[in-house]
Amino acid sequence: MSHHISIDCESLGTSSDALLLSIGAVAFDPLSGQVLEEFHAIIDQDGAHAVGSIDAATVFWWMRQGEAARAALFAKDLERVTLRAALDQLTALVLRYPGAVIWQRGDKDSEWIASAYRSQGMKCPWRYWQVRDQRTLAKLFEHIPFEPIGGEVKHSALADAKNQAAHVSAIFQHLQRCGALGEVIL
């Protein structure tokens, strides 16, 4: 079985060095749709822990989101970790799945995470050529339905990572049934 990990971030910006609010990731088997392991961290933004740029448009965008989405990131009683601790935990997950294909929706998440690793003097645990875009795959196979498995809260890094994994799995399973899934895509 090949290893696949779906990642998603929530941030306060869109530039490559955006301030990360949370990171979600799931290791999964796209041929069975099984989630093997999940990771979610809400980043502590208090004082010296805040690392990254903020843009006003993204802050205003967050202000227009539902109460549940905002509370999932900004409520006072949430358990938070430093960026360094979150990246250590993400690295540990990725290293448990050597050579994993990394899925993201679009091109921002791996860019943000790579920037966060650099800001902490750490090495990103995957190479650029391991990263795949779920949005492009979904567009190519938009006729293939999938059952969302993420939570009810919109813009949750973990729920979004789970839904990306579910969508990739639905497409892979369809291609496998059609006999069109080769080793190259895995």
C-alpha atoms as a PDB file:
ATOM      1  CA  MET A   1       0.000   0.000   0.000  1.00  0.00           C
ATOM      2  CA  SER A   2       1.272   3.450  -0.828  1.00  0.00           C
ATOM      3  CA  HIS A   3       1.014   6.152   1.785  1.00  0.00           C
ATOM      4  CA  HIS A   4      -1.044   9.304   1.347  1.00  0.00           C
ATOM      5  CA  ILE A   5      -1.490  12.292   3.654  1.00  0.00           C
ATOM      6  CA  SER A   6      -4.031  15.053   3.191  1.00  0.00           C
ATOM      7  CA  ILE A   7      -3.126  18.428   4.725  1.00  0.00           C
ATOM      8  CA  ASP A   8      -5.031  21.630   5.312  1.00  0.00           C
ATOM      9  CA  CYS A   9      -4.280  24.890   7.120  1.00  0.00           C
ATOM     10  CA  GLU A  10      -6.291  27.819   8.317  1.00  0.00           C
ATOM     11  CA  SER A  11      -4.448  31.125   8.293  1.00  0.00           C
ATOM     12  CA  LEU A  12      -4.745  34.888   8.653  1.00  0.00           C
ATOM     13  CA  GLY A  13      -3.226  35.628   5.261  1.00  0.00           C
ATOM     14  CA  THR A  14      -2.670  34.361   1.750  1.00  0.00           C
ATOM     15  CA  SER A  15       1.013  35.190   1.240  1.00  0.00           C
ATOM     16  CA  SER A  16       3.553  32.355   1.418  1.00  0.00           C
ATOM     17  CA  ASP A  17       4.510  33.331   4.982  1.00  0.00           C
ATOM     18  CA  ALA A  18       0.942  33.643   6.299  1.00  0.00           C
ATOM     19  CA  LEU A  19       0.318  33.319  10.023  1.00  0.00           C
ATOM     20  CA  LEU A  20      -1.055  29.819  10.617  1.00  0.00           C
ATOM     21  CA  LEU A  21      -4.046  29.399  12.914  1.00  0.00           C
ATOM     22  CA  SER A  22      -4.337  25.623  12.632  1.00  0.00           C
ATOM     23  CA  ILE A  23      -2.983  22.599  10.800  1.00  0.00           C
ATOM     24  CA  GLY A  24      -4.942  19.447  10.042  1.00  0.00           C
ATOM     25  CA  ALA A  25      -3.669  16.258   8.446  1.00  0.00           C
ATOM     26  CA  VAL A  26      -4.885  12.728   7.859  1.00  0.00           C
ATOM     27  CA  ALA A  27      -2.928   9.719   6.713  1.00  0.00           C
ATOM     28  CA  PHE A  28      -5.178   7.586   4.538  1.00  0.00           C
ATOM     29  CA  ASP A  29      -5.399   4.668   2.133  1.00  0.00           C
ATOM     30  CA  PRO A  30      -7.038   5.962  -1.059  1.00  0.00           C
ATOM     31  CA  LEU A  31      -7.976   2.475  -2.257  1.00  0.00           C
ATOM     32  CA  SER A  32     -10.071   1.695   0.808  1.00  0.00           C
ATOM     33  CA  GLY A  33     -10.884   5.223   1.942  1.00  0.00           C
ATOM     34  CA  GLN A  34      -9.688   4.310   5.431  1.00  0.00           C
ATOM     35  CA  VAL A  35      -8.293   7.113   7.590  1.00  0.00           C
ATOM     36  CA  LEU A  36      -5.198   5.642   9.234  1.00  0.00           C
ATOM     37  CA  GLU A  37      -4.307   8.512  11.525  1.00  0.00           C
ATOM     38  CA  GLU A  38      -5.302  12.113  12.055  1.00  0.00           C
ATOM     39  CA  PHE A  39      -3.619  15.213  13.407  1.00  0.00           C
ATOM     40  CA  HIS A  40      -4.984  18.613  14.370  1.00  0.00           C
ATOM     41  CA  ALA A  41      -3.263  21.508  16.091  1.00  0.00           C
ATOM     42  CA  ILE A  42      -4.491  24.974  16.910  1.00  0.00           C
ATOM     43  CA  ILE A  43      -1.509  27.300  16.950  1.00  0.00           C
ATOM     44  CA  ASP A  44      -0.884  29.588  19.931  1.00  0.00           C
ATOM     45  CA  GLN A  45      -0.762  33.169  18.670  1.00  0.00           C
ATOM     46  CA  ASP A  46      -0.015  34.763  22.016  1.00  0.00           C
ATOM     47  CA  GLY A  47       2.899  37.204  22.061  1.00  0.00           C
ATOM     48  CA  ALA A  48       6.190  35.765  20.871  1.00  0.00           C
ATOM     49  CA  HIS A  49       4.470  32.649  19.523  1.00  0.00           C
ATOM     50  CA  ALA A  50       2.883  34.519  16.605  1.00  0.00           C
ATOM     51  CA  VAL A  51       4.920  33.952  13.454  1.00  0.00           C
ATOM     52  CA  GLY A  52       3.781  34.954   9.974  1.00  0.00           C
ATOM     53  CA  SER A  53       2.112  37.730   8.060  1.00  0.00           C
ATOM     54  CA  ILE A  54      -1.494  38.840   8.363  1.00  0.00           C
ATOM     55  CA  ASP A  55      -3.567  40.526   5.677  1.00  0.00           C
ATOM     56  CA  ALA A  56      -6.684  42.594   6.316  1.00  0.00           C
ATOM     57  CA  ALA A  57      -8.757  40.878   3.605  1.00  0.00           C
ATOM     58  CA  THR A  58      -8.321  37.494   5.282  1.00  0.00           C
ATOM     59  CA  VAL A  59      -9.136  38.908   8.722  1.00  0.00           C
ATOM     60  CA  PHE A  60     -12.333  40.445   7.301  1.00  0.00           C
ATOM     61  CA  TRP A  61     -13.111  37.124   5.599  1.00  0.00           C
ATOM     62  CA  TRP A  62     -12.864  35.347   8.988  1.00  0.00           C
ATOM     63  CA  MET A  63     -15.152  37.974  10.513  1.00  0.00           C
ATOM     64  CA  ARG A  64     -17.821  37.013   7.941  1.00  0.00           C
ATOM     65  CA  GLN A  65     -17.626  33.283   8.702  1.00  0.00           C
ATOM     66  CA  GLY A  66     -20.083  31.495  10.959  1.00  0.00           C
ATOM     67  CA  GLU A  67     -19.796  31.632  14.724  1.00  0.00           C
ATOM     68  CA  ALA A  68     -18.877  27.940  14.902  1.00  0.00           C
ATOM     69  CA  ALA A  69     -15.955  28.386  12.480  1.00  0.00           C
ATOM     70  CA  ARG A  70     -14.611  31.368  14.416  1.00  0.00           C
ATOM     71  CA  ALA A  71     -15.096  29.687  17.807  1.00  0.00           C
ATOM     72  CA  ALA A  72     -13.215  26.587  16.615  1.00  0.00           C
ATOM     73  CA  LEU A  73     -10.108  28.767  16.203  1.00  0.00           C
ATOM     74  CA  PHE A  74     -10.510  31.792  18.428  1.00  0.00           C
ATOM     75  CA  ALA A  75     -12.405  30.650  21.549  1.00  0.00           C
ATOM     76  CA  LYS A  76     -10.449  31.332  24.731  1.00  0.00           C
ATOM     77  CA  ASP A  77     -10.707  27.814  26.194  1.00  0.00           C
ATOM     78  CA  LEU A  78      -9.121  25.942  23.249  1.00  0.00           C
ATOM     79  CA  GLU A  79      -6.027  23.847  23.751  1.00  0.00           C
ATOM     80  CA  ARG A  80      -3.248  25.501  21.770  1.00  0.00           C
ATOM     81  CA  VAL A  81       0.326  24.545  20.975  1.00  0.00           C
ATOM     82  CA  THR A  82       3.290  26.538  19.780  1.00  0.00           C
ATOM     83  CA  LEU A  83       4.033  26.509  16.085  1.00  0.00           C
ATOM     84  CA  ARG A  84       7.190  24.529  16.844  1.00  0.00           C
ATOM     85  CA  ALA A  85       5.234  21.857  18.744  1.00  0.00           C
ATOM     86  CA  ALA A  86       2.645  21.619  15.961  1.00  0.00           C
ATOM     87  CA  LEU A  87       5.380  21.176  13.350  1.00  0.00           C
ATOM     88  CA  ASP A  88       7.142  18.561  15.516  1.00  0.00           C
ATOM     89  CA  GLN A  89       3.880  16.610  15.724  1.00  0.00           C
ATOM     90  CA  LEU A  90       3.227  16.960  11.984  1.00  0.00           C
ATOM     91  CA  THR A  91       6.769  15.794  11.235  1.00  0.00           C
ATOM     92  CA  ALA A  92       6.265  12.743  13.451  1.00  0.00           C
ATOM     93  CA  LEU A  93       3.080  11.832  11.553  1.00  0.00           C
ATOM     94  CA  VAL A  94       4.707  12.267   8.134  1.00  0.00           C
ATOM     95  CA  LEU A  95       7.764  10.218   9.127  1.00  0.00           C
ATOM     96  CA  ARG A  96       5.502   7.310  10.119  1.00  0.00           C
ATOM     97  CA  TYR A  97       4.491   7.157   6.417  1.00  0.00           C
ATOM     98  CA  PRO A  98       7.779   7.294   4.471  1.00  0.00           C
ATOM     99  CA  GLY A  99       7.520   8.673   0.942  1.00  0.00           C
ATOM    100  CA  ALA A 100       3.871   9.632   1.385  1.00  0.00           C
ATOM    101  CA  VAL A 101       2.027  11.503  -1.321  1.00  0.00           C
ATOM    102  CA  ILE A 102       0.942  14.840   0.200  1.00  0.00           C
ATOM    103  CA  TRP A 103      -2.466  16.120  -0.907  1.00  0.00           C
ATOM    104  CA  GLN A 104      -3.603  19.710  -0.580  1.00  0.00           C
ATOM    105  CA  ARG A 105      -6.421  21.738  -2.118  1.00  0.00           C
ATOM    106  CA  GLY A 106      -4.762  24.263  -4.398  1.00  0.00           C
ATOM    107  CA  ASP A 107      -1.193  25.346  -3.801  1.00  0.00           C
ATOM    108  CA  LYS A 108      -1.173  27.315  -0.546  1.00  0.00           C
ATOM    109  CA  ASP A 109      -1.118  24.764   2.282  1.00  0.00           C
ATOM    110  CA  SER A 110       2.260  23.157   1.574  1.00  0.00           C
ATOM    111  CA  GLU A 111       3.687  26.622   0.844  1.00  0.00           C
ATOM    112  CA  TRP A 112       2.472  27.919   4.229  1.00  0.00           C
ATOM    113  CA  ILE A 113       3.761  24.856   6.045  1.00  0.00           C
ATOM    114  CA  ALA A 114       7.159  25.009   4.321  1.00  0.00           C
ATOM    115  CA  SER A 115       7.416  28.680   5.336  1.00  0.00           C
ATOM    116  CA  ALA A 116       6.467  27.805   8.916  1.00  0.00           C
ATOM    117  CA  TYR A 117       9.187  25.123   9.021  1.00  0.00           C
ATOM    118  CA  ARG A 118      11.737  27.665   7.758  1.00  0.00           C
ATOM    119  CA  SER A 119      10.625  30.199  10.391  1.00  0.00           C
ATOM    120  CA  GLN A 120      11.419  27.619  13.070  1.00  0.00           C
ATOM    121  CA  GLY A 121      14.743  26.556  11.557  1.00  0.00           C
ATOM    122  CA  MET A 122      13.266  23.147  10.750  1.00  0.00           C
ATOM    123  CA  LYS A 123      13.291  21.007   7.621  1.00  0.00           C
ATOM    124  CA  CYS A 124       9.988  20.219   5.929  1.00  0.00           C
ATOM    125  CA  PRO A 125       9.450  16.417   6.117  1.00  0.00           C
ATOM    126  CA  TRP A 126       8.446  16.064   2.481  1.00  0.00           C
ATOM    127  CA  ARG A 127       9.871  17.143  -0.859  1.00  0.00           C
ATOM    128  CA  TYR A 128       8.099  19.410  -3.328  1.00  0.00           C
ATOM    129  CA  TRP A 129       7.635  16.546  -5.796  1.00  0.00           C
ATOM    130  CA  GLN A 130       5.539  14.586  -3.281  1.00  0.00           C
ATOM    131  CA  VAL A 131       2.785  17.239  -3.253  1.00  0.00           C
ATOM    132  CA  ARG A 132      -0.419  16.774  -5.263  1.00  0.00           C
ATOM    133  CA  ASP A 133      -3.390  19.089  -5.815  1.00  0.00           C
ATOM    134  CA  GLN A 134      -6.760  17.635  -4.838  1.00  0.00           C
ATOM    135  CA  ARG A 135      -8.649  20.555  -6.431  1.00  0.00           C
ATOM    136  CA  THR A 136      -7.302  19.730  -9.904  1.00  0.00           C
ATOM    137  CA  LEU A 137      -8.017  16.015  -9.459  1.00  0.00           C
ATOM    138  CA  ALA A 138     -11.564  16.810  -8.270  1.00  0.00           C
ATOM    139  CA  LYS A 139     -12.162  19.076 -11.283  1.00  0.00           C
ATOM    140  CA  LEU A 140     -10.976  16.394 -13.693  1.00  0.00           C
ATOM    141  CA  PHE A 141     -13.336  13.869 -12.098  1.00  0.00           C
ATOM    142  CA  GLU A 142     -16.159  16.146 -10.953  1.00  0.00           C
ATOM    143  CA  HIS A 143     -18.743  13.565 -12.031  1.00  0.00           C
ATOM    144  CA  ILE A 144     -17.570  11.157  -9.301  1.00  0.00           C
ATOM    145  CA  PRO A 145     -19.530  11.752  -6.089  1.00  0.00           C
ATOM    146  CA  PHE A 146     -18.035  11.388  -2.651  1.00  0.00           C
ATOM    147  CA  GLU A 147     -19.420  11.258   0.867  1.00  0.00           C
ATOM    148  CA  PRO A 148     -17.929  14.027   3.029  1.00  0.00           C
ATOM    149  CA  ILE A 149     -16.481  12.704   6.290  1.00  0.00           C
ATOM    150  CA  GLY A 150     -15.357  15.972   7.860  1.00  0.00           C
ATOM    151  CA  GLY A 151     -17.213  17.695  10.665  1.00  0.00           C
ATOM    152  CA  GLU A 152     -20.043  20.171  10.540  1.00  0.00           C
ATOM    153  CA  VAL A 153     -17.806  23.207  11.169  1.00  0.00           C
ATOM    154  CA  LYS A 154     -16.762  24.961   7.970  1.00  0.00           C
ATOM    155  CA  HIS A 155     -13.116  25.945   7.621  1.00  0.00           C
ATOM    156  CA  SER A 156     -11.774  23.410  10.084  1.00  0.00           C
ATOM    157  CA  ALA A 157      -8.325  22.272   9.017  1.00  0.00           C
ATOM    158  CA  LEU A 158      -8.981  18.701  10.187  1.00  0.00           C
ATOM    159  CA  ALA A 159     -12.444  18.460   8.604  1.00  0.00           C
ATOM    160  CA  ASP A 160     -11.105  19.874   5.338  1.00  0.00           C
ATOM    161  CA  ALA A 161      -8.172  17.421   5.353  1.00  0.00           C
ATOM    162  CA  LYS A 162     -10.617  14.539   5.943  1.00  0.00           C
ATOM    163  CA  ASN A 163     -12.872  15.689   3.109  1.00  0.00           C
ATOM    164  CA  GLN A 164      -9.911  16.019   0.732  1.00  0.00           C
ATOM    165  CA  ALA A 165      -8.888  12.451   1.627  1.00  0.00           C
ATOM    166  CA  ALA A 166     -12.456  11.203   1.078  1.00  0.00           C
ATOM    167  CA  HIS A 167     -12.654  12.877  -2.315  1.00  0.00           C
ATOM    168  CA  VAL A 168      -9.258  11.556  -3.455  1.00  0.00           C
ATOM    169  CA  SER A 169     -10.274   8.076  -2.234  1.00  0.00           C
ATOM    170  CA  ALA A 170     -13.582   8.165  -4.134  1.00  0.00           C
ATOM    171  CA  ILE A 171     -11.742   9.052  -7.335  1.00  0.00           C
ATOM    172  CA  PHE A 172      -9.042   6.405  -6.829  1.00  0.00           C
ATOM    173  CA  GLN A 173     -11.663   3.746  -6.090  1.00  0.00           C
ATOM    174  CA  HIS A 174     -13.604   4.705  -9.225  1.00  0.00           C
ATOM    175  CA  LEU A 175     -10.440   4.522 -11.329  1.00  0.00           C
ATOM    176  CA  GLN A 176      -9.549   1.175  -9.766  1.00  0.00           C
ATOM    177  CA  ARG A 177     -13.012  -0.239 -10.612  1.00  0.00           C
ATOM    178  CA  CYS A 178     -12.561   0.956 -14.194  1.00  0.00           C
ATOM    179  CA  GLY A 179      -9.114  -0.645 -14.412  1.00  0.00           C
ATOM    180  CA  ALA A 180      -7.572   2.770 -15.057  1.00  0.00           C
ATOM    181  CA  LEU A 181      -5.536   3.139 -11.885  1.00  0.00           C
ATOM    182  CA  GLY A 182      -1.876   2.445 -12.544  1.00  0.00           C
ATOM    183  CA  GLU A 183       1.151   2.451 -10.300  1.00  0.00           C
ATOM    184  CA  VAL A 184       2.186   5.854 -11.641  1.00  0.00           C
ATOM    185  CA  ILE A 185      -0.734   7.627  -9.951  1.00  0.00           C
ATOM    186  CA  LEU A 186      -0.197   5.917  -6.606  1.00  0.00           C
END
